[in-house]
Amino acid sequence: MRGRLIGLIVAMPVGPGKLAMLSSHFSMGPAGGFASGMGAATEDAGYAKAAGLCLRLASGMILIYSNLN
């Protein structure tokens, strides 16, 4: 059990979203932590969608310019 706890602590990336989620969990209980976690997941999904769109646009531009030569 101790090894699993250490592994979980090491694997958990600490950032502003995780700190807000932990703060919400401790101040409002598990429901607040869950709601904060869902908000962070939605934000991450939006960033992933924006990154995918930018990559798609960049690859399209590369294909257009590679056909000009």
N, C-alpha and C. Protein backbone atom coordinates (compact mmCIF):
# COMPACT_ATOMS: atom_id res chain seq x y z
N MET A 1 0.83 -1.20 0.00
CA MET A 1 0.00 0.00 0.00
C MET A 1 0.87 1.26 0.00
N ARG A 2 1.96 1.22 0.75
CA ARG A 2 2.84 2.39 0.83
C ARG A 2 3.46 2.70 -0.53
N GLY A 3 3.86 1.66 -1.26
CA GLY A 3 4.44 1.86 -2.59
C GLY A 3 3.44 2.46 -3.56
N ARG A 4 2.20 2.03 -3.49
CA ARG A 4 1.16 2.59 -4.37
C ARG A 4 0.93 4.07 -4.07
N LEU A 5 0.92 4.42 -2.80
CA LEU A 5 0.72 5.81 -2.43
C LEU A 5 1.87 6.68 -2.91
N ILE A 6 3.08 6.21 -2.77
CA ILE A 6 4.24 6.96 -3.26
C ILE A 6 4.19 7.09 -4.78
N GLY A 7 3.82 6.01 -5.46
CA GLY A 7 3.69 6.06 -6.92
C GLY A 7 2.63 7.04 -7.37
N LEU A 8 1.52 7.08 -6.66
CA LEU A 8 0.45 8.02 -7.00
C LEU A 8 0.90 9.45 -6.81
N ILE A 9 1.60 9.72 -5.73
CA ILE A 9 2.07 11.08 -5.46
C ILE A 9 3.08 11.52 -6.52
N VAL A 10 3.97 10.61 -6.90
CA VAL A 10 4.99 10.95 -7.90
C VAL A 10 4.37 11.15 -9.28
N ALA A 11 3.35 10.35 -9.61
CA ALA A 11 2.76 10.40 -10.95
C ALA A 11 1.80 11.57 -11.14
N MET A 12 1.29 12.14 -10.06
CA MET A 12 0.30 13.21 -10.18
C MET A 12 1.00 14.53 -10.52
N PRO A 13 0.76 15.06 -11.71
CA PRO A 13 1.37 16.35 -12.04
C PRO A 13 0.66 17.47 -11.26
N VAL A 14 1.44 18.30 -10.61
CA VAL A 14 0.86 19.38 -9.81
C VAL A 14 0.91 20.66 -10.65
N GLY A 15 -0.24 21.19 -10.91
CA GLY A 15 -0.36 22.44 -11.64
C GLY A 15 -1.51 23.23 -11.05
N PRO A 16 -1.86 24.34 -11.68
CA PRO A 16 -2.94 25.17 -11.14
C PRO A 16 -4.28 24.45 -11.10
N GLY A 17 -4.54 23.62 -12.11
CA GLY A 17 -5.81 22.89 -12.13
C GLY A 17 -5.90 21.88 -11.01
N LYS A 18 -4.83 21.15 -10.78
CA LYS A 18 -4.83 20.15 -9.71
C LYS A 18 -4.91 20.81 -8.34
N LEU A 19 -4.23 21.92 -8.16
CA LEU A 19 -4.29 22.62 -6.88
C LEU A 19 -5.69 23.17 -6.62
N ALA A 20 -6.34 23.69 -7.65
CA ALA A 20 -7.71 24.18 -7.49
C ALA A 20 -8.66 23.03 -7.18
N MET A 21 -8.42 21.89 -7.81
CA MET A 21 -9.27 20.73 -7.56
C MET A 21 -9.10 20.25 -6.11
N LEU A 22 -7.86 20.19 -5.63
CA LEU A 22 -7.63 19.78 -4.25
C LEU A 22 -8.22 20.79 -3.26
N SER A 23 -8.07 22.07 -3.57
CA SER A 23 -8.63 23.09 -2.71
C SER A 23 -10.16 22.99 -2.64
N SER A 24 -10.78 22.77 -3.80
CA SER A 24 -12.24 22.61 -3.84
C SER A 24 -12.66 21.37 -3.08
N HIS A 25 -11.90 20.31 -3.21
CA HIS A 25 -12.23 19.07 -2.51
C HIS A 25 -12.19 19.26 -1.00
N PHE A 26 -11.15 19.94 -0.52
CA PHE A 26 -11.03 20.12 0.93
C PHE A 26 -12.02 21.14 1.48
N SER A 27 -12.42 22.13 0.69
CA SER A 27 -13.34 23.14 1.21
C SER A 27 -14.81 22.78 0.99
N MET A 28 -15.13 22.09 -0.11
CA MET A 28 -16.54 21.79 -0.41
C MET A 28 -16.87 20.30 -0.41
N GLY A 29 -15.88 19.46 -0.17
CA GLY A 29 -16.14 18.03 -0.12
C GLY A 29 -15.91 17.37 -1.47
N PRO A 30 -16.23 16.08 -1.54
CA PRO A 30 -15.99 15.33 -2.77
C PRO A 30 -16.75 15.87 -3.99
N ALA A 31 -17.96 16.37 -3.78
CA ALA A 31 -18.73 16.89 -4.91
C ALA A 31 -18.05 18.13 -5.52
N GLY A 32 -17.51 18.98 -4.66
CA GLY A 32 -16.79 20.16 -5.15
C GLY A 32 -15.53 19.78 -5.89
N GLY A 33 -14.81 18.78 -5.37
CA GLY A 33 -13.61 18.30 -6.06
C GLY A 33 -13.94 17.68 -7.40
N PHE A 34 -15.03 16.92 -7.45
CA PHE A 34 -15.45 16.31 -8.71
C PHE A 34 -15.84 17.37 -9.74
N ALA A 35 -16.59 18.36 -9.30
CA ALA A 35 -17.00 19.44 -10.21
C ALA A 35 -15.79 20.21 -10.73
N SER A 36 -14.85 20.48 -9.85
CA SER A 36 -13.63 21.18 -10.26
C SER A 36 -12.82 20.33 -11.23
N GLY A 37 -12.76 19.02 -10.98
CA GLY A 37 -12.05 18.11 -11.88
C GLY A 37 -12.70 18.04 -13.25
N MET A 38 -14.02 18.05 -13.29
CA MET A 38 -14.72 18.03 -14.58
C MET A 38 -14.47 19.33 -15.35
N GLY A 39 -14.40 20.43 -14.63
CA GLY A 39 -14.08 21.70 -15.28
C GLY A 39 -12.68 21.70 -15.86
N ALA A 40 -11.73 21.14 -15.12
CA ALA A 40 -10.35 21.04 -15.61
C ALA A 40 -10.27 20.12 -16.82
N ALA A 41 -11.03 19.02 -16.80
CA ALA A 41 -11.03 18.10 -17.94
C ALA A 41 -11.64 18.76 -19.17
N THR A 42 -12.68 19.56 -18.98
CA THR A 42 -13.29 20.27 -20.10
C THR A 42 -12.32 21.29 -20.68
N GLU A 43 -11.59 21.96 -19.81
CA GLU A 43 -10.59 22.92 -20.26
C GLU A 43 -9.48 22.22 -21.06
N ASP A 44 -9.02 21.08 -20.57
CA ASP A 44 -7.99 20.33 -21.28
C ASP A 44 -8.49 19.85 -22.64
N ALA A 45 -9.75 19.45 -22.70
CA ALA A 45 -10.32 19.02 -23.98
C ALA A 45 -10.38 20.18 -24.97
N GLY A 46 -10.69 21.37 -24.48
CA GLY A 46 -10.70 22.55 -25.35
C GLY A 46 -9.32 22.87 -25.89
N TYR A 47 -8.30 22.76 -25.01
CA TYR A 47 -6.93 22.99 -25.46
C TYR A 47 -6.51 21.95 -26.49
N ALA A 48 -6.90 20.70 -26.28
CA ALA A 48 -6.56 19.64 -27.23
C ALA A 48 -7.25 19.88 -28.58
N LYS A 49 -8.48 20.35 -28.55
CA LYS A 49 -9.19 20.63 -29.79
C LYS A 49 -8.53 21.79 -30.54
N ALA A 50 -8.13 22.82 -29.81
CA ALA A 50 -7.46 23.95 -30.45
C ALA A 50 -6.12 23.53 -31.04
N ALA A 51 -5.38 22.68 -30.33
CA ALA A 51 -4.10 22.19 -30.85
C ALA A 51 -4.31 21.35 -32.09
N GLY A 52 -5.32 20.50 -32.10
CA GLY A 52 -5.62 19.69 -33.28
C GLY A 52 -6.00 20.54 -34.48
N LEU A 53 -6.77 21.58 -34.25
CA LEU A 53 -7.15 22.48 -35.33
C LEU A 53 -5.94 23.19 -35.91
N CYS A 54 -5.05 23.67 -35.02
CA CYS A 54 -3.84 24.35 -35.50
C CYS A 54 -2.94 23.40 -36.29
N LEU A 55 -2.81 22.17 -35.82
CA LEU A 55 -2.00 21.20 -36.56
C LEU A 55 -2.61 20.89 -37.92
N ARG A 56 -3.94 20.80 -37.96
CA ARG A 56 -4.61 20.54 -39.24
C ARG A 56 -4.39 21.70 -40.22
N LEU A 57 -4.49 22.92 -39.72
CA LEU A 57 -4.26 24.07 -40.59
C LEU A 57 -2.81 24.14 -41.05
N ALA A 58 -1.88 23.84 -40.15
CA ALA A 58 -0.46 23.88 -40.51
C ALA A 58 -0.14 22.81 -41.54
N SER A 59 -0.69 21.60 -41.37
CA SER A 59 -0.40 20.55 -42.34
C SER A 59 -1.02 20.87 -43.70
N GLY A 60 -2.17 21.51 -43.69
CA GLY A 60 -2.78 21.93 -44.96
C GLY A 60 -1.92 22.97 -45.67
N MET A 61 -1.37 23.92 -44.90
CA MET A 61 -0.51 24.93 -45.51
C MET A 61 0.78 24.30 -46.05
N ILE A 62 1.32 23.33 -45.33
CA ILE A 62 2.53 22.65 -45.81
C ILE A 62 2.24 21.91 -47.10
N LEU A 63 1.11 21.26 -47.19
CA LEU A 63 0.76 20.54 -48.42
C LEU A 63 0.56 21.50 -49.60
N ILE A 64 -0.06 22.64 -49.33
CA ILE A 64 -0.27 23.62 -50.41
C ILE A 64 1.06 24.16 -50.92
N TYR A 65 1.94 24.53 -49.98
CA TYR A 65 3.23 25.09 -50.39
C TYR A 65 4.19 24.05 -50.98
N SER A 66 4.03 22.79 -50.59
CA SER A 66 4.90 21.75 -51.16
C SER A 66 4.48 21.43 -52.60
N ASN A 67 3.23 21.66 -52.95
CA ASN A 67 2.78 21.41 -54.33
C ASN A 67 3.16 22.54 -55.28
N LEU A 68 3.53 23.70 -54.74
CA LEU A 68 3.91 24.82 -55.60
C LEU A 68 5.27 24.62 -56.25
N ASN A 69 6.13 23.85 -55.63
CA ASN A 69 7.48 23.65 -56.17
C ASN A 69 7.51 22.61 -57.21
